[in-house]
Amino acid sequence: MSDYARVEVAHPELKELADAVKSVKGDSHARTSIEEDLDGQRRYMEKYREVSKSDPIQQGWDKNEAEFHAKTKIFSVMANAFESELGTDEGRAAVERARRRQGEEMGTMMRDKVRAKGLPLNLENFFNEFWSYFQWSPKLDTERYYDDDGTMVKYVLRLNCPIGDYLRDNSPDTDYSSNYCDLDEWIIKAYNPNAKYSRKHWVPGGDLYSELIWEIDREDIIA
């Protein structure tokens, strides 16, 4: 869907800079880059820092950068152990299954909470549950897209990522990093399998910020 009846942009000045970044990604999860514009990303991040400096969630996110790095290192230690014990392919597949199972459990929990309230499995209700769980994650730079009936059909989030910084600088490749970061996709797919998840930018893939996109057509919402 490319035409929207209404768009809510939290920070137009950030969207303008993000839209100006020239880049072409090789896949829907931004694991590879055919073309990259780091100068444009730096301009975006300079403005992002300016806009977000008084945001309390962002302040906590940045203040706890060392803790995020430490927790991500724990993931890496365990993932490396799986590969050492089982072999690279089998070990990595085991980590992927474990993370996918975790995401599916979380998404199912969110789905069941929405269903218990008698509400449809749309993006509005998804993010009510998602952000109640991920309260510590910045959600400053967002875009919300609505169709003619006022239903949200697309949600965009951009943010810096200390978890991604660690993975970018220490992981052997992006598939390894995906086992950590693909949790978001497993969550939304368990919540509503008709939803689509993609990334335009991704810090472990070499970007300076991540841009995450959730989409669902109105006819794919489960009542």
Protein backbone atom coordinates (compact mmCIF):
# COMPACT_ATOMS: atom_id res chain seq x y z
CA MET A 1 0.00 0.00 0.00
CA SER A 2 1.52 3.31 -1.07
CA ASP A 3 -1.37 5.80 -0.65
CA TYR A 4 -2.46 6.81 2.84
CA ALA A 5 -5.38 8.93 4.01
CA ARG A 6 -3.47 10.35 6.97
CA VAL A 7 0.10 10.35 8.22
CA GLU A 8 1.26 11.31 11.72
CA VAL A 9 4.93 12.23 11.84
CA ALA A 10 6.34 12.79 15.32
CA HIS A 11 9.27 14.92 14.11
CA PRO A 12 9.04 16.24 10.54
CA GLU A 13 12.58 17.60 10.74
CA LEU A 14 13.90 14.09 11.40
CA LYS A 15 11.77 12.51 8.68
CA GLU A 16 13.07 15.06 6.18
CA LEU A 17 16.66 14.10 6.93
CA ALA A 18 15.86 10.37 6.96
CA ASP A 19 14.11 10.61 3.60
CA ALA A 20 17.15 12.40 2.17
CA VAL A 21 19.49 9.52 3.03
CA LYS A 22 20.52 7.83 -0.20
CA SER A 23 20.85 4.10 0.26
CA VAL A 24 19.80 0.86 -1.37
CA LYS A 25 19.54 -2.25 0.76
CA GLY A 26 20.10 -5.73 -0.61
CA ASP A 27 17.28 -7.41 1.33
CA SER A 28 14.18 -6.56 3.34
CA HIS A 29 16.05 -6.82 6.63
CA ALA A 30 18.90 -4.47 5.65
CA ARG A 31 21.51 -7.16 6.18
CA THR A 32 23.41 -6.09 3.06
CA SER A 33 23.96 -2.71 1.39
CA ILE A 34 24.28 -2.12 -2.33
CA GLU A 35 24.65 1.60 -1.75
CA GLU A 36 25.12 3.47 1.52
CA ASP A 37 25.07 7.16 2.49
CA LEU A 38 26.84 7.47 5.84
CA ASP A 39 27.14 11.27 5.50
CA GLY A 40 23.36 11.49 5.24
CA GLN A 41 23.00 9.17 8.21
CA ARG A 42 25.37 11.37 10.23
CA ARG A 43 23.25 14.42 9.45
CA TYR A 44 20.19 12.53 10.63
CA MET A 45 21.91 11.39 13.83
CA GLU A 46 23.12 14.91 14.64
CA LYS A 47 19.53 16.17 14.50
CA TYR A 48 18.26 13.07 16.33
CA ARG A 49 20.66 13.80 19.19
CA GLU A 50 19.50 17.39 19.31
CA VAL A 51 15.81 16.49 19.31
CA SER A 52 16.10 13.60 21.78
CA LYS A 53 18.44 15.11 24.36
CA SER A 54 15.60 15.95 26.77
CA ASP A 55 13.67 12.69 26.26
CA PRO A 56 13.87 10.67 29.53
CA ILE A 57 13.65 7.28 27.80
CA GLN A 58 16.43 8.21 25.40
CA GLN A 59 18.50 9.47 28.31
CA GLY A 60 18.15 6.11 30.07
CA TRP A 61 18.89 4.24 26.83
CA ASP A 62 22.15 6.13 26.37
CA LYS A 63 23.10 6.11 30.05
CA ASN A 64 22.84 2.32 30.15
CA GLU A 65 24.87 1.74 26.98
CA ALA A 66 27.53 -0.24 28.87
CA GLU A 67 24.84 -2.49 30.35
CA PHE A 68 23.34 -3.12 26.91
CA HIS A 69 26.80 -4.02 25.63
CA ALA A 70 27.35 -6.40 28.55
CA LYS A 71 24.00 -8.15 28.03
CA THR A 72 24.65 -8.49 24.31
CA LYS A 73 28.07 -9.95 25.09
CA ILE A 74 26.33 -12.61 27.19
CA PHE A 75 24.24 -13.49 24.13
CA SER A 76 27.43 -13.70 22.06
CA VAL A 77 29.15 -15.95 24.60
CA MET A 78 26.22 -18.35 24.55
CA ALA A 79 25.85 -18.21 20.76
CA ASN A 80 29.56 -18.90 20.33
CA ALA A 81 29.31 -21.82 22.75
CA PHE A 82 26.49 -23.36 20.70
CA GLU A 83 28.60 -23.07 17.56
CA SER A 84 31.67 -24.52 19.28
CA GLU A 85 29.75 -27.46 20.76
CA LEU A 86 27.48 -28.28 17.83
CA GLY A 87 29.33 -26.86 14.84
CA THR A 88 28.69 -23.51 13.19
CA ASP A 89 25.61 -24.41 11.14
CA GLU A 90 23.83 -26.58 13.69
CA GLY A 91 24.78 -24.31 16.60
CA ARG A 92 23.57 -21.18 14.88
CA ALA A 93 20.36 -22.90 13.85
CA ALA A 94 19.77 -23.87 17.49
CA VAL A 95 20.21 -20.25 18.60
CA GLU A 96 17.82 -19.13 15.86
CA ARG A 97 15.20 -21.63 17.03
CA ALA A 98 15.58 -20.50 20.64
CA ARG A 99 15.22 -16.81 19.78
CA ARG A 100 12.31 -17.52 17.45
CA ARG A 101 10.58 -19.49 20.17
CA GLN A 102 11.12 -16.59 22.58
CA GLY A 103 9.63 -14.12 20.09
CA GLU A 104 6.68 -16.36 19.34
CA GLU A 105 5.95 -16.74 23.04
CA MET A 106 6.04 -12.97 23.51
CA GLY A 107 3.88 -12.32 20.44
CA THR A 108 1.37 -14.95 21.53
CA MET A 109 1.18 -13.35 24.98
CA MET A 110 0.46 -9.96 23.38
CA ARG A 111 -2.12 -11.50 21.05
CA ASP A 112 -3.90 -13.24 23.92
CA LYS A 113 -4.03 -10.01 25.94
CA VAL A 114 -5.63 -8.17 23.01
CA ARG A 115 -8.10 -11.00 22.38
CA ALA A 116 -9.03 -11.08 26.08
CA LYS A 117 -10.13 -7.46 25.71
CA GLY A 118 -12.26 -8.36 22.69
CA LEU A 119 -10.14 -6.18 20.39
CA PRO A 120 -8.89 -6.80 16.83
CA LEU A 121 -5.31 -7.81 16.10
CA ASN A 122 -4.33 -4.51 14.48
CA LEU A 123 -1.22 -2.37 14.84
CA GLU A 124 -2.75 0.03 17.35
CA ASN A 125 -3.49 -2.77 19.79
CA PHE A 126 -0.18 -4.46 19.06
CA PHE A 127 1.85 -1.42 20.03
CA ASN A 128 -0.21 -0.84 23.16
CA GLU A 129 1.10 -4.20 24.35
CA PHE A 130 4.52 -4.02 22.71
CA TRP A 131 5.47 -0.70 24.32
CA SER A 132 4.16 -1.76 27.70
CA TYR A 133 6.75 -4.55 27.55
CA PHE A 134 9.57 -2.53 25.96
CA GLN A 135 9.08 0.59 28.07
CA TRP A 136 12.84 1.19 28.19
CA SER A 137 13.24 1.47 24.41
CA PRO A 138 13.16 4.92 22.72
CA LYS A 139 10.12 5.63 20.59
CA LEU A 140 10.78 9.29 19.82
CA ASP A 141 11.02 9.29 16.02
CA THR A 142 7.94 7.55 14.70
CA GLU A 143 5.60 7.70 11.72
CA ARG A 144 2.06 6.36 11.71
CA TYR A 145 0.15 5.79 8.47
CA TYR A 146 -3.64 5.37 8.31
CA ASP A 147 -6.08 4.24 5.63
CA ASP A 148 -9.42 5.84 4.71
CA ASP A 149 -11.16 4.20 7.66
CA GLY A 150 -8.66 5.57 10.17
CA THR A 151 -6.96 2.21 10.67
CA MET A 152 -3.19 2.25 11.16
CA VAL A 153 -1.59 0.24 8.37
CA LYS A 154 2.08 1.19 8.80
CA TYR A 155 4.33 2.14 11.71
CA VAL A 156 7.92 3.34 11.33
CA LEU A 157 10.46 3.67 14.15
CA ARG A 158 13.98 5.10 13.94
CA LEU A 159 16.47 4.99 16.80
CA ASN A 160 20.12 4.57 17.70
CA CYS A 161 20.99 1.15 19.09
CA PRO A 162 23.75 0.27 21.59
CA ILE A 163 22.83 -3.40 21.18
CA GLY A 164 23.40 -3.05 17.45
CA ASP A 165 26.66 -1.18 18.03
CA TYR A 166 28.03 -4.16 19.93
CA LEU A 167 26.86 -6.66 17.32
CA ARG A 168 28.19 -4.56 14.44
CA ASP A 169 31.63 -4.34 16.04
CA ASN A 170 31.93 -7.89 17.43
CA SER A 171 29.80 -10.32 15.43
CA PRO A 172 31.34 -12.48 12.69
CA ASP A 173 28.55 -11.67 10.20
CA THR A 174 25.04 -10.24 9.94
CA ASP A 175 23.28 -13.62 10.04
CA TYR A 176 24.76 -14.09 13.51
CA SER A 177 23.42 -10.67 14.52
CA SER A 178 20.01 -11.46 13.07
CA ASN A 179 19.56 -14.19 15.65
CA TYR A 180 19.46 -11.40 18.23
CA CYS A 181 17.56 -8.74 16.27
CA ASP A 182 14.93 -10.78 14.43
CA LEU A 183 13.02 -11.11 17.69
CA ASP A 184 10.82 -8.18 16.57
CA GLU A 185 9.68 -10.08 13.50
CA TRP A 186 8.88 -13.27 15.42
CA ILE A 187 6.83 -11.21 17.89
CA ILE A 188 4.64 -9.50 15.30
CA LYS A 189 4.21 -12.70 13.26
CA ALA A 190 2.98 -14.58 16.32
CA TYR A 191 0.63 -11.71 17.11
CA ASN A 192 -0.80 -11.60 13.59
CA PRO A 193 0.84 -13.71 10.85
CA ASN A 194 -0.54 -11.36 8.18
CA ALA A 195 1.64 -8.47 9.36
CA LYS A 196 4.83 -7.54 7.53
CA TYR A 197 8.09 -6.53 9.17
CA SER A 198 11.15 -5.04 7.49
CA ARG A 199 14.14 -2.81 8.17
CA LYS A 200 15.29 0.06 5.99
CA HIS A 201 18.39 0.65 8.12
CA TRP A 202 20.02 -1.62 10.67
CA VAL A 203 22.95 -0.86 12.95
CA PRO A 204 24.48 -4.40 12.91
CA GLY A 205 24.47 -4.14 9.11
CA GLY A 206 26.71 -1.07 9.24
CA ASP A 207 24.18 1.75 9.60
CA LEU A 208 24.35 4.51 12.23
CA TYR A 209 20.72 4.01 13.24
CA SER A 210 17.99 1.44 12.75
CA GLU A 211 14.75 2.09 10.89
CA LEU A 212 12.12 -0.56 11.61
CA ILE A 213 8.84 -0.91 9.71
CA TRP A 214 5.66 -2.77 10.65
CA GLU A 215 2.81 -2.98 8.08
CA ILE A 216 -0.56 -4.64 7.72
CA ASP A 217 -3.36 -4.11 5.20
CA ARG A 218 -6.77 -3.48 6.66
CA GLU A 219 -8.21 -6.69 5.20
CA ASP A 220 -5.48 -8.70 6.93
CA ILE A 221 -6.44 -7.57 10.44
CA ILE A 222 -7.87 -10.48 12.43
CA ALA A 223 -11.02 -9.49 14.28
